[in-house]
Every structure is written in C-alpha cells, then in structure tokens.
Protein backbone atom coordinates (compact mmCIF):
# COMPACT_ATOMS: atom_id res chain seq x y z
CA MET A 1 -0.02 0.01 0.06
CA SER A 2 1.37 3.21 -0.82
CA MET A 3 1.40 6.68 1.29
CA SER A 4 -1.40 7.90 -0.96
CA ALA A 5 -3.29 5.14 0.18
CA ALA A 6 -2.31 5.98 3.98
CA ASN A 7 -3.56 9.38 3.22
CA LEU A 8 -6.74 8.53 2.03
CA LEU A 9 -7.28 6.43 5.04
CA LEU A 10 -6.33 9.07 7.32
CA CYS A 11 -7.93 11.93 5.88
CA VAL A 12 -11.08 10.25 4.50
CA LEU A 13 -11.76 7.12 6.21
CA PHE A 14 -11.26 7.93 9.79
CA PRO A 15 -13.20 11.16 9.45
CA PHE A 16 -15.95 9.45 7.83
CA LEU A 17 -16.06 6.73 10.38
CA MET A 18 -16.36 9.40 13.03
CA ALA A 19 -18.86 11.20 11.58
CA TYR A 20 -20.87 8.01 11.03
CA ALA A 21 -20.67 6.73 14.41
CA ALA A 22 -21.90 10.14 15.75
CA ALA A 23 -24.65 10.31 13.74
CA SER A 24 -25.60 6.62 14.35
CA ASP A 25 -25.50 7.27 18.13
CA LEU A 26 -27.55 10.26 17.53
CA LEU A 27 -30.43 8.60 15.28
CA THR A 28 -30.09 4.99 17.06
CA MET A 29 -28.52 5.49 20.12
CA ARG A 30 -26.27 2.63 18.98
CA ILE A 31 -22.81 2.42 17.60
CA SER A 32 -22.53 -0.85 15.37
CA ASN A 33 -19.91 -3.26 15.87
CA ARG A 34 -19.28 -2.96 12.29
CA VAL A 35 -18.45 0.79 12.52
CA THR A 36 -15.94 0.09 15.29
CA GLY A 37 -14.63 -2.94 13.46
CA PHE A 38 -14.06 -0.60 10.43
CA VAL A 39 -12.19 1.86 12.76
CA ALA A 40 -9.77 -0.96 13.76
CA VAL A 41 -9.18 -2.57 10.53
CA GLY A 42 -8.61 0.89 9.07
CA PHE A 43 -5.82 1.60 11.51
CA VAL A 44 -4.24 -1.93 10.75
CA LEU A 45 -4.22 -0.87 7.06
CA TYR A 46 -3.12 2.45 7.89
CA ALA A 47 -0.18 1.94 10.29
CA PRO A 48 2.30 -0.05 7.78
CA ALA A 49 1.20 2.37 4.80
CA SER A 50 2.03 5.49 6.58
CA GLY A 51 5.63 4.18 7.65
CA MET A 52 5.09 3.27 11.40
CA GLY A 53 7.59 0.98 12.34
CA LEU A 54 6.81 -2.10 14.62
CA GLU A 55 7.56 -0.41 17.76
CA GLU A 56 5.10 2.71 17.01
CA ILE A 57 2.43 0.23 16.03
CA GLY A 58 3.28 -1.73 19.37
CA TRP A 59 2.58 1.47 21.21
CA HIS A 60 -0.66 2.30 19.39
CA LEU A 61 -1.71 -1.24 20.00
CA ALA A 62 -1.08 -0.73 23.64
CA ALA A 63 -2.84 2.83 23.64
CA GLY A 64 -6.01 0.90 22.27
CA ALA A 65 -5.86 -1.99 24.56
CA LEU A 66 -5.35 0.11 27.73
CA THR A 67 -8.31 2.14 26.51
CA LEU A 68 -10.53 -1.00 25.80
CA THR A 69 -9.59 -2.08 29.29
CA VAL A 70 -10.55 1.11 31.07
CA THR A 71 -13.76 1.54 28.87
CA PHE A 72 -15.18 -1.91 29.30
CA THR A 73 -14.65 -1.56 33.12
CA MET A 74 -16.71 1.58 32.57
CA PHE A 75 -19.33 -0.19 30.72
CA ALA A 76 -19.55 -2.99 33.33
CA ARG A 77 -20.36 -0.64 35.74
CA GLY A 78 -23.13 0.86 33.58
CA TRP A 79 -21.52 4.27 33.08
CA VAL A 80 -20.94 4.02 29.12
CA GLY A 81 -22.35 2.13 26.64
CA GLY A 82 -20.64 -0.70 24.78
CA GLY A 83 -20.38 0.90 21.44
CA ASP A 84 -18.87 3.99 23.20
CA ALA A 85 -16.15 1.81 24.79
CA LYS A 86 -15.22 0.26 21.49
CA LEU A 87 -15.40 3.35 19.64
CA ALA A 88 -12.98 4.88 22.19
CA ALA A 89 -10.66 1.94 22.06
CA GLY A 90 -10.62 1.96 18.28
CA THR A 91 -9.65 5.59 18.17
CA ALA A 92 -7.09 5.27 20.76
CA LEU A 93 -5.35 2.97 18.20
CA TRP A 94 -5.14 5.68 15.75
CA LEU A 95 -4.01 8.45 18.38
CA GLY A 96 -1.60 6.59 20.19
CA PHE A 97 -0.42 7.36 23.63
CA GLY A 98 0.80 10.91 22.36
CA SER A 99 -2.57 12.27 22.00
CA LEU A 100 -4.62 9.75 24.11
CA LEU A 101 -4.83 12.04 27.10
CA ASP A 102 -5.84 15.23 24.92
CA TYR A 103 -8.49 12.90 23.58
CA VAL A 104 -9.74 11.79 26.85
CA VAL A 105 -9.85 15.33 28.32
CA ILE A 106 -11.50 16.71 25.04
CA ALA A 107 -14.06 13.84 25.10
CA SER A 108 -14.84 14.38 28.78
CA ILE A 109 -15.57 18.02 28.37
CA LEU A 110 -17.57 17.64 25.13
CA GLY A 111 -19.67 14.74 26.88
CA GLY A 112 -20.14 16.67 29.74
CA LEU A 113 -21.39 19.58 27.71
CA LEU A 114 -23.61 17.22 25.74
CA THR A 115 -24.97 15.64 28.84
CA LEU A 116 -25.96 19.10 30.34
CA GLY A 117 -27.24 20.25 27.36
CA LEU A 118 -29.60 17.26 26.63
CA LEU A 119 -30.65 17.17 30.14
CA TYR A 120 -31.71 20.53 30.19
CA LEU A 121 -33.44 20.37 26.83
CA ARG A 122 -35.31 17.17 28.21
CA THR A 123 -37.02 19.67 30.87
CA LEU A 124 -38.65 21.56 27.97
CA PRO A 125 -41.59 20.50 25.83
CA LEU A 126 -40.64 18.64 22.76
CA PRO A 127 -41.51 20.92 19.90
CA ALA A 128 -44.57 19.82 17.81
CA ILE A 129 -42.49 19.43 14.51
CA THR A 130 -40.21 17.13 15.74
CA VAL A 131 -42.94 14.63 17.44
CA ARG A 132 -42.83 12.61 14.14
CA LEU A 133 -39.00 12.01 14.60
CA PRO A 134 -38.55 8.81 16.24
CA PHE A 135 -34.88 9.66 17.17
CA ALA A 136 -36.14 12.98 18.52
CA VAL A 137 -38.70 11.43 20.90
CA ARG A 138 -36.24 9.07 22.17
CA LEU A 139 -33.57 11.66 22.71
CA HIS A 140 -35.82 13.76 24.53
CA ASP A 141 -36.75 10.91 26.73
CA MET A 142 -35.28 11.05 30.69
CA LYS A 143 -34.90 7.45 30.34
CA THR A 144 -32.99 7.37 27.44
CA GLY A 145 -29.10 7.52 27.85
CA ILE A 146 -26.71 10.04 26.34
CA PRO A 147 -25.30 9.51 22.86
CA TYR A 148 -21.81 9.93 23.91
CA GLY A 149 -20.51 8.59 20.69
CA ILE A 150 -21.14 12.28 19.54
CA ALA A 151 -18.46 13.68 21.94
CA LEU A 152 -16.18 10.85 21.39
CA ALA A 153 -16.20 11.19 17.70
CA ALA A 154 -15.92 15.05 17.67
CA ALA A 155 -12.70 14.81 20.07
CA ALA A 156 -11.16 12.44 17.78
CA LEU A 157 -11.58 14.87 14.83
CA ILE A 158 -10.35 17.91 17.02
CA VAL A 159 -7.28 15.79 18.25
CA MET A 160 -6.44 13.92 15.04
CA PRO A 161 -4.71 16.67 13.38
CA ARG A 162 -2.11 16.99 16.05
CA ALA A 163 -1.68 13.27 16.38
CA ALA A 164 0.79 11.10 14.84
CA GLY A 165 0.36 10.54 10.96
CA TRP A 166 -0.34 14.07 9.94
CA GLU A 167 3.17 15.16 10.15
CA ARG A 168 3.90 12.54 7.45
CA LEU A 169 1.42 14.16 5.25
CA ALA A 170 3.46 17.44 5.08
CA LEU A 171 6.53 15.38 3.93
CA MET A 172 4.80 14.20 0.79
C-alpha cells in the first residue's frame, strides 16, 4: 500500500467513520460493531502504509488495549455504552499514547456539555414539529441515555490533526 493510500485512510476513512458513528449514535443510540470494526481495521491498514515502524505500531496497539480495558470496566459499571467503549478504544489505536490524554480530556468536556445540554432540553416540551421524528422523541426521553459517541467522535476529529501521522502528510 502506498502513502497516498495511507493519506486516504487518514484523511477520508477515519473522519468518515467518526462522523458515521456520531450520527448513528444520535439517531439510534447505538454504535454498530461493524463501525468500530472498520475503525480498527482501518488502523491496521493505515499503520504500515504510513511508514510506522513495528515499535510505534506496538505502542498504538497498547494505547488501544489500555483504552479498551478502562472503557469496558466503565461499561461493566453501567457508566458508558458498549459501542462507546469500543469506539474510544478504536480511536485510541489511531491516536496512540501521544494524543490519548488530549482525546480523553476533550471527550470528557464535550461529553459533559452534551449531557448538560440534553438534560436541560429534556426539561422543555418537545417541539411539535419533532414529535414525528422517532430519534427526537427517544432523545428527549429522560429514561434514554446520552449519545456519548457524538462527543467521542468530535474529540477524535479535534485531536487527530495533532496526532501522529499528520506530520507525514507534510513530507509528501
């Protein structure tokens, strides 16, 4: 695979998958295993094509494994959804340890704002025009969780330009 293929994976596939995961979570309150699988497989294709060495790939895999361990503990305690846990871990593969803390902090801030915003909006009556939209009714329901995948995906898109890989684009 060439550097142009690596660039395509980094600049098109990764952002598309993040946007798709966010939209999916918003509309269905679910992030498909297929999406998180594509995030992981995309990294597996990207890493060698981008010129990453085995040691660097290993560190990225370790970041993904650590994130999966932490997020699945959170899932087991009912704090996050399973799709969110897998999306965060898949994203950590791409970011590596160098950008992982930034990702976690930004996702936490965005997730907190999203949560507070949704909780506030749920105290207001649902506008009549949205009553026919099943996702809006579900999102407005106080018993429904928070589509945290939106915050995770947004944080990934904010952090990714500073993460490993983008400096390789400048060298082309």
